[in-house]
């Protein structure tokens, strides 16, 4: 049986969920914000958080942000 491969666009149509990256490590939620001058930013305002797609929701991306920011309890949450 041959499986048909999905393109990224088709995958996103089937998985339209959006995510934010957040940590509750220090009590107050801290969100990953969009890059500024190629540097990772954080915010306390959920509305300013970076929106991620289902394609972005991967352990690799999460581990990169954990290593870069130092927040050990970062996770993706569905919006």
PDB file of N, CA and C in Angstrom:
ATOM      1  N   UNK A   1       0.835  -1.177   0.000  1.00  0.00           N
ATOM      2  CA  UNK A   1       0.000   0.000   0.000  1.00  0.00           C
ATOM      3  C   UNK A   1       0.884   1.247   0.000  1.00  0.00           C
ATOM      4  N   UNK A   2       0.627   2.128  -0.903  1.00  0.00           N
ATOM      5  CA  UNK A   2       1.405   3.353  -1.045  1.00  0.00           C
ATOM      6  C   UNK A   2       0.652   4.483  -0.347  1.00  0.00           C
ATOM      7  N   UNK A   3       1.368   5.184   0.564  1.00  0.00           N
ATOM      8  CA  UNK A   3       0.768   6.327   1.241  1.00  0.00           C
ATOM      9  C   UNK A   3       1.049   7.582   0.435  1.00  0.00           C
ATOM     10  N   UNK A   4       0.030   8.407   0.287  1.00  0.00           N
ATOM     11  CA  UNK A   4       0.199   9.676  -0.413  1.00  0.00           C
ATOM     12  C   UNK A   4       0.818  10.680   0.550  1.00  0.00           C
ATOM     13  N   UNK A   5       1.876  11.333   0.128  1.00  0.00           N
ATOM     14  CA  UNK A   5       2.543  12.327   0.971  1.00  0.00           C
ATOM     15  C   UNK A   5       1.800  13.648   0.894  1.00  0.00           C
ATOM     16  N   UNK A   6       1.718  14.314   2.034  1.00  0.00           N
ATOM     17  CA  UNK A   6       1.077  15.619   2.108  1.00  0.00           C
ATOM     18  C   UNK A   6       2.109  16.731   1.927  1.00  0.00           C
ATOM     19  N   UNK A   7       1.692  17.785   1.272  1.00  0.00           N
ATOM     20  CA  UNK A   7       2.535  18.973   1.221  1.00  0.00           C
ATOM     21  C   UNK A   7       2.343  19.723   2.539  1.00  0.00           C
ATOM     22  N   UNK A   8       3.203  20.677   2.803  1.00  0.00           N
ATOM     23  CA  UNK A   8       3.077  21.463   4.036  1.00  0.00           C
ATOM     24  C   UNK A   8       1.744  22.200   4.057  1.00  0.00           C
ATOM     25  N   UNK A   9       1.334  22.729   2.935  1.00  0.00           N
ATOM     26  CA  UNK A   9       0.070  23.457   2.850  1.00  0.00           C
ATOM     27  C   UNK A   9      -1.111  22.525   3.157  1.00  0.00           C
ATOM     28  N   UNK A  10      -1.095  21.315   2.621  1.00  0.00           N
ATOM     29  CA  UNK A  10      -2.154  20.345   2.883  1.00  0.00           C
ATOM     30  C   UNK A  10      -2.167  19.947   4.364  1.00  0.00           C
ATOM     31  N   UNK A  11      -0.992  19.750   4.935  1.00  0.00           N
ATOM     32  CA  UNK A  11      -0.904  19.393   6.347  1.00  0.00           C
ATOM     33  C   UNK A  11      -1.504  20.492   7.223  1.00  0.00           C
ATOM     34  N   UNK A  12      -1.195  21.745   6.918  1.00  0.00           N
ATOM     35  CA  UNK A  12      -1.725  22.865   7.694  1.00  0.00           C
ATOM     36  C   UNK A  12      -3.234  23.011   7.528  1.00  0.00           C
ATOM     37  N   UNK A  13      -3.757  22.663   6.360  1.00  0.00           N
ATOM     38  CA  UNK A  13      -5.206  22.691   6.167  1.00  0.00           C
ATOM     39  C   UNK A  13      -5.880  21.630   7.029  1.00  0.00           C
ATOM     40  N   UNK A  14      -5.237  20.493   7.185  1.00  0.00           N
ATOM     41  CA  UNK A  14      -5.786  19.416   8.022  1.00  0.00           C
ATOM     42  C   UNK A  14      -5.552  19.666   9.511  1.00  0.00           C
ATOM     43  N   UNK A  15      -4.552  20.478   9.842  1.00  0.00           N
ATOM     44  CA  UNK A  15      -4.179  20.774  11.230  1.00  0.00           C
ATOM     45  C   UNK A  15      -4.096  22.292  11.426  1.00  0.00           C
ATOM     46  N   UNK A  16      -5.235  22.972  11.487  1.00  0.00           N
ATOM     47  CA  UNK A  16      -5.214  24.441  11.542  1.00  0.00           C
ATOM     48  C   UNK A  16      -4.911  25.024  12.928  1.00  0.00           C
ATOM     49  N   UNK A  17      -4.647  24.189  13.904  1.00  0.00           N
ATOM     50  CA  UNK A  17      -4.412  24.681  15.268  1.00  0.00           C
ATOM     51  C   UNK A  17      -3.203  25.590  15.329  1.00  0.00           C
ATOM     52  N   UNK A  18      -3.288  26.567  16.216  1.00  0.00           N
ATOM     53  CA  UNK A  18      -2.159  27.449  16.478  1.00  0.00           C
ATOM     54  C   UNK A  18      -1.731  27.266  17.926  1.00  0.00           C
ATOM     55  N   UNK A  19      -0.464  27.516  18.180  1.00  0.00           N
ATOM     56  CA  UNK A  19       0.119  27.287  19.498  1.00  0.00           C
ATOM     57  C   UNK A  19       0.922  28.509  19.931  1.00  0.00           C
ATOM     58  N   UNK A  20       1.105  28.625  21.236  1.00  0.00           N
ATOM     59  CA  UNK A  20       2.036  29.597  21.796  1.00  0.00           C
ATOM     60  C   UNK A  20       3.015  28.818  22.662  1.00  0.00           C
ATOM     61  N   UNK A  21       4.205  29.350  22.825  1.00  0.00           N
ATOM     62  CA  UNK A  21       5.210  28.711  23.670  1.00  0.00           C
ATOM     63  C   UNK A  21       5.231  29.469  24.990  1.00  0.00           C
ATOM     64  N   UNK A  22       5.105  28.728  26.100  1.00  0.00           N
ATOM     65  CA  UNK A  22       4.962  29.357  27.409  1.00  0.00           C
ATOM     66  C   UNK A  22       5.665  28.524  28.480  1.00  0.00           C
ATOM     67  N   UNK A  23       6.068  29.204  29.548  1.00  0.00           N
ATOM     68  CA  UNK A  23       6.582  28.527  30.734  1.00  0.00           C
ATOM     69  C   UNK A  23       5.894  29.120  31.960  1.00  0.00           C
ATOM     70  N   UNK A  24       5.629  28.260  32.935  1.00  0.00           N
ATOM     71  CA  UNK A  24       5.061  28.683  34.225  1.00  0.00           C
ATOM     72  C   UNK A  24       6.092  28.459  35.330  1.00  0.00           C
ATOM     73  N   UNK A  25       7.327  28.367  34.936  1.00  0.00           N
ATOM     74  CA  UNK A  25       8.451  28.047  35.816  1.00  0.00           C
ATOM     75  C   UNK A  25       8.545  28.960  37.039  1.00  0.00           C
ATOM     76  N   UNK A  26       8.189  30.214  36.882  1.00  0.00           N
ATOM     77  CA  UNK A  26       8.322  31.181  37.975  1.00  0.00           C
ATOM     78  C   UNK A  26       6.969  31.666  38.483  1.00  0.00           C
ATOM     79  N   UNK A  27       5.906  30.917  38.185  1.00  0.00           N
ATOM     80  CA  UNK A  27       4.566  31.284  38.623  1.00  0.00           C
ATOM     81  C   UNK A  27       3.806  32.026  37.550  1.00  0.00           C
ATOM     82  N   UNK A  28       4.224  33.220  37.218  1.00  0.00           N
ATOM     83  CA  UNK A  28       3.588  34.024  36.179  1.00  0.00           C
ATOM     84  C   UNK A  28       3.937  33.440  34.813  1.00  0.00           C
ATOM     85  N   UNK A  29       2.967  33.299  33.913  1.00  0.00           N
ATOM     86  CA  UNK A  29       3.303  32.771  32.588  1.00  0.00           C
ATOM     87  C   UNK A  29       4.216  33.720  31.808  1.00  0.00           C
ATOM     88  N   UNK A  30       5.238  33.158  31.203  1.00  0.00           N
ATOM     89  CA  UNK A  30       6.165  33.908  30.360  1.00  0.00           C
ATOM     90  C   UNK A  30       6.069  33.299  28.968  1.00  0.00           C
ATOM     91  N   UNK A  31       5.781  34.137  27.980  1.00  0.00           N
ATOM     92  CA  UNK A  31       5.566  33.691  26.611  1.00  0.00           C
ATOM     93  C   UNK A  31       6.738  34.070  25.730  1.00  0.00           C
ATOM     94  N   UNK A  32       7.000  33.230  24.732  1.00  0.00           N
ATOM     95  CA  UNK A  32       8.006  33.547  23.723  1.00  0.00           C
ATOM     96  C   UNK A  32       7.355  34.486  22.715  1.00  0.00           C
ATOM     97  N   UNK A  33       7.979  35.630  22.488  1.00  0.00           N
ATOM     98  CA  UNK A  33       7.462  36.654  21.572  1.00  0.00           C
ATOM     99  C   UNK A  33       8.215  36.570  20.244  1.00  0.00           C
ATOM    100  N   UNK A  34       7.717  37.270  19.210  1.00  0.00           N
ATOM    101  CA  UNK A  34       8.432  37.279  17.920  1.00  0.00           C
ATOM    102  C   UNK A  34       9.859  37.816  18.064  1.00  0.00           C
ATOM    103  N   UNK A  35      10.724  37.350  17.182  1.00  0.00           N
ATOM    104  CA  UNK A  35      12.113  37.801  17.179  1.00  0.00           C
ATOM    105  C   UNK A  35      12.210  39.303  16.971  1.00  0.00           C
ATOM    106  N   UNK A  36      13.221  39.885  17.599  1.00  0.00           N
ATOM    107  CA  UNK A  36      13.532  41.293  17.377  1.00  0.00           C
ATOM    108  C   UNK A  36      15.035  41.383  17.201  1.00  0.00           C
ATOM    109  N   UNK A  37      15.465  41.904  16.059  1.00  0.00           N
ATOM    110  CA  UNK A  37      16.896  41.958  15.722  1.00  0.00           C
ATOM    111  C   UNK A  37      17.543  40.579  15.831  1.00  0.00           C
ATOM    112  N   UNK A  38      16.825  39.570  15.359  1.00  0.00           N
ATOM    113  CA  UNK A  38      17.271  38.172  15.359  1.00  0.00           C
ATOM    114  C   UNK A  38      17.541  37.626  16.755  1.00  0.00           C
ATOM    115  N   UNK A  39      16.902  38.188  17.770  1.00  0.00           N
ATOM    116  CA  UNK A  39      17.034  37.707  19.145  1.00  0.00           C
ATOM    117  C   UNK A  39      15.670  37.276  19.662  1.00  0.00           C
ATOM    118  N   UNK A  40      15.668  36.190  20.417  1.00  0.00           N
ATOM    119  CA  UNK A  40      14.428  35.698  21.009  1.00  0.00           C
ATOM    120  C   UNK A  40      13.978  36.674  22.091  1.00  0.00           C
ATOM    121  N   UNK A  41      12.711  37.033  22.028  1.00  0.00           N
ATOM    122  CA  UNK A  41      12.114  37.951  23.002  1.00  0.00           C
ATOM    123  C   UNK A  41      11.099  37.193  23.850  1.00  0.00           C
ATOM    124  N   UNK A  42      10.823  37.696  25.034  1.00  0.00           N
ATOM    125  CA  UNK A  42       9.775  37.138  25.888  1.00  0.00           C
ATOM    126  C   UNK A  42       8.810  38.240  26.277  1.00  0.00           C
ATOM    127  N   UNK A  43       7.603  37.849  26.667  1.00  0.00           N
ATOM    128  CA  UNK A  43       6.587  38.802  27.071  1.00  0.00           C
ATOM    129  C   UNK A  43       5.705  38.172  28.140  1.00  0.00           C
ATOM    130  N   UNK A  44       5.091  39.003  28.936  1.00  0.00           N
ATOM    131  CA  UNK A  44       4.131  38.534  29.936  1.00  0.00           C
ATOM    132  C   UNK A  44       2.706  38.603  29.394  1.00  0.00           C
ATOM    133  N   UNK A  45       2.530  39.221  28.218  1.00  0.00           N
ATOM    134  CA  UNK A  45       1.221  39.400  27.612  1.00  0.00           C
ATOM    135  C   UNK A  45       0.971  38.310  26.563  1.00  0.00           C
ATOM    136  N   UNK A  46      -0.039  37.499  26.798  1.00  0.00           N
ATOM    137  CA  UNK A  46      -0.350  36.399  25.881  1.00  0.00           C
ATOM    138  C   UNK A  46      -0.656  36.911  24.468  1.00  0.00           C
ATOM    139  N   UNK A  47      -1.223  38.103  24.352  1.00  0.00           N
ATOM    140  CA  UNK A  47      -1.569  38.669  23.044  1.00  0.00           C
ATOM    141  C   UNK A  47      -0.341  39.044  22.218  1.00  0.00           C
ATOM    142  N   UNK A  48       0.801  39.208  22.866  1.00  0.00           N
ATOM    143  CA  UNK A  48       2.043  39.544  22.164  1.00  0.00           C
ATOM    144  C   UNK A  48       2.888  38.312  21.857  1.00  0.00           C
ATOM    145  N   UNK A  49       2.421  37.140  22.264  1.00  0.00           N
ATOM    146  CA  UNK A  49       3.188  35.905  22.068  1.00  0.00           C
ATOM    147  C   UNK A  49       3.229  35.518  20.591  1.00  0.00           C
ATOM    148  N   UNK A  50       4.313  34.868  20.212  1.00  0.00           N
ATOM    149  CA  UNK A  50       4.477  34.346  18.851  1.00  0.00           C
ATOM    150  C   UNK A  50       3.468  33.225  18.634  1.00  0.00           C
ATOM    151  N   UNK A  51       2.811  33.238  17.480  1.00  0.00           N
ATOM    152  CA  UNK A  51       1.896  32.156  17.127  1.00  0.00           C
ATOM    153  C   UNK A  51       2.649  31.141  16.281  1.00  0.00           C
ATOM    154  N   UNK A  52       2.493  29.875  16.636  1.00  0.00           N
ATOM    155  CA  UNK A  52       3.166  28.782  15.946  1.00  0.00           C
ATOM    156  C   UNK A  52       2.113  27.874  15.320  1.00  0.00           C
ATOM    157  N   UNK A  53       2.457  27.221  14.233  1.00  0.00           N
ATOM    158  CA  UNK A  53       1.544  26.295  13.569  1.00  0.00           C
ATOM    159  C   UNK A  53       1.831  24.868  14.027  1.00  0.00           C
ATOM    160  N   UNK A  54       1.026  23.935  13.524  1.00  0.00           N
ATOM    161  CA  UNK A  54       1.237  22.524  13.846  1.00  0.00           C
ATOM    162  C   UNK A  54       2.590  22.036  13.321  1.00  0.00           C
ATOM    163  N   UNK A  55       3.084  22.639  12.240  1.00  0.00           N
ATOM    164  CA  UNK A  55       4.410  22.255  11.719  1.00  0.00           C
ATOM    165  C   UNK A  55       5.527  22.658  12.681  1.00  0.00           C
ATOM    166  N   UNK A  56       5.319  23.757  13.394  1.00  0.00           N
ATOM    167  CA  UNK A  56       6.334  24.250  14.328  1.00  0.00           C
ATOM    168  C   UNK A  56       6.348  23.474  15.637  1.00  0.00           C
ATOM    169  N   UNK A  57       5.234  22.857  15.981  1.00  0.00           N
ATOM    170  CA  UNK A  57       5.092  22.164  17.253  1.00  0.00           C
ATOM    171  C   UNK A  57       5.913  20.878  17.232  1.00  0.00           C
ATOM    172  N   UNK A  58       7.208  21.028  17.476  1.00  0.00           N
ATOM    173  CA  UNK A  58       8.119  19.882  17.436  1.00  0.00           C
ATOM    174  C   UNK A  58       9.075  19.926  18.625  1.00  0.00           C
ATOM    175  N   UNK A  59       9.546  18.761  19.052  1.00  0.00           N
ATOM    176  CA  UNK A  59      10.510  18.729  20.150  1.00  0.00           C
ATOM    177  C   UNK A  59      11.802  19.471  19.820  1.00  0.00           C
ATOM    178  N   UNK A  60      12.212  19.475  18.571  1.00  0.00           N
ATOM    179  CA  UNK A  60      13.444  20.149  18.166  1.00  0.00           C
ATOM    180  C   UNK A  60      13.344  21.650  18.399  1.00  0.00           C
ATOM    181  N   UNK A  61      12.238  22.261  17.960  1.00  0.00           N
ATOM    182  CA  UNK A  61      12.048  23.699  18.131  1.00  0.00           C
ATOM    183  C   UNK A  61      11.961  24.037  19.614  1.00  0.00           C
ATOM    184  N   UNK A  62      11.275  23.190  20.363  1.00  0.00           N
ATOM    185  CA  UNK A  62      11.128  23.409  21.796  1.00  0.00           C
ATOM    186  C   UNK A  62      12.487  23.312  22.497  1.00  0.00           C
ATOM    187  N   UNK A  63      13.285  22.301  22.182  1.00  0.00           N
ATOM    188  CA  UNK A  63      14.601  22.133  22.795  1.00  0.00           C
ATOM    189  C   UNK A  63      15.535  23.294  22.451  1.00  0.00           C
ATOM    190  N   UNK A  64      15.426  23.819  21.221  1.00  0.00           N
ATOM    191  CA  UNK A  64      16.236  24.974  20.836  1.00  0.00           C
ATOM    192  C   UNK A  64      15.907  26.172  21.728  1.00  0.00           C
ATOM    193  N   UNK A  65      14.635  26.444  21.919  1.00  0.00           N
ATOM    194  CA  UNK A  65      14.228  27.586  22.737  1.00  0.00           C
ATOM    195  C   UNK A  65      14.570  27.371  24.218  1.00  0.00           C
ATOM    196  N   UNK A  66      14.497  26.155  24.680  1.00  0.00           N
ATOM    197  CA  UNK A  66      14.907  25.853  26.057  1.00  0.00           C
ATOM    198  C   UNK A  66      16.392  26.147  26.228  1.00  0.00           C
ATOM    199  N   UNK A  67      17.202  25.694  25.284  1.00  0.00           N
ATOM    200  CA  UNK A  67      18.649  25.917  25.363  1.00  0.00           C
ATOM    201  C   UNK A  67      18.997  27.397  25.233  1.00  0.00           C
ATOM    202  N   UNK A  68      18.297  28.112  24.373  1.00  0.00           N
ATOM    203  CA  UNK A  68      18.602  29.517  24.120  1.00  0.00           C
ATOM    204  C   UNK A  68      18.147  30.425  25.252  1.00  0.00           C
ATOM    205  N   UNK A  69      16.943  30.190  25.780  1.00  0.00           N
ATOM    206  CA  UNK A  69      16.392  31.075  26.806  1.00  0.00           C
ATOM    207  C   UNK A  69      16.772  30.674  28.218  1.00  0.00           C
ATOM    208  N   UNK A  70      17.049  29.390  28.437  1.00  0.00           N
ATOM    209  CA  UNK A  70      17.341  28.909  29.781  1.00  0.00           C
ATOM    210  C   UNK A  70      16.097  28.510  30.560  1.00  0.00           C
ATOM    211  N   UNK A  71      14.904  28.704  29.980  1.00  0.00           N
ATOM    212  CA  UNK A  71      13.668  28.262  30.632  1.00  0.00           C
ATOM    213  C   UNK A  71      13.526  26.757  30.423  1.00  0.00           C
ATOM    214  N   UNK A  72      13.581  26.012  31.500  1.00  0.00           N
ATOM    215  CA  UNK A  72      13.601  24.554  31.397  1.00  0.00           C
ATOM    216  C   UNK A  72      12.216  23.926  31.237  1.00  0.00           C
ATOM    217  N   UNK A  73      11.162  24.679  31.518  1.00  0.00           N
ATOM    218  CA  UNK A  73       9.817  24.120  31.463  1.00  0.00           C
ATOM    219  C   UNK A  73       8.959  24.722  30.340  1.00  0.00           C
ATOM    220  N   UNK A  74       9.583  25.115  29.248  1.00  0.00           N
ATOM    221  CA  UNK A  74       8.836  25.645  28.113  1.00  0.00           C
ATOM    222  C   UNK A  74       7.984  24.534  27.503  1.00  0.00           C
ATOM    223  N   UNK A  75       6.800  24.916  27.042  1.00  0.00           N
ATOM    224  CA  UNK A  75       5.927  23.957  26.368  1.00  0.00           C
ATOM    225  C   UNK A  75       5.037  24.708  25.399  1.00  0.00           C
ATOM    226  N   UNK A  76       4.478  23.960  24.437  1.00  0.00           N
ATOM    227  CA  UNK A  76       3.506  24.520  23.512  1.00  0.00           C
ATOM    228  C   UNK A  76       2.123  24.365  24.108  1.00  0.00           C
ATOM    229  N   UNK A  77       1.315  25.425  23.997  1.00  0.00           N
ATOM    230  CA  UNK A  77      -0.079  25.373  24.418  1.00  0.00           C
ATOM    231  C   UNK A  77      -0.946  25.776  23.229  1.00  0.00           C
ATOM    232  N   UNK A  78      -2.048  25.050  23.058  1.00  0.00           N
ATOM    233  CA  UNK A  78      -2.985  25.368  21.984  1.00  0.00           C
ATOM    234  C   UNK A  78      -3.692  26.675  22.303  1.00  0.00           C
ATOM    235  N   UNK A  79      -3.824  27.526  21.285  1.00  0.00           N
ATOM    236  CA  UNK A  79      -4.531  28.814  21.458  1.00  0.00           C
ATOM    237  C   UNK A  79      -6.010  28.576  21.335  1.00  0.00           C
TER     238      UNK A  79
END
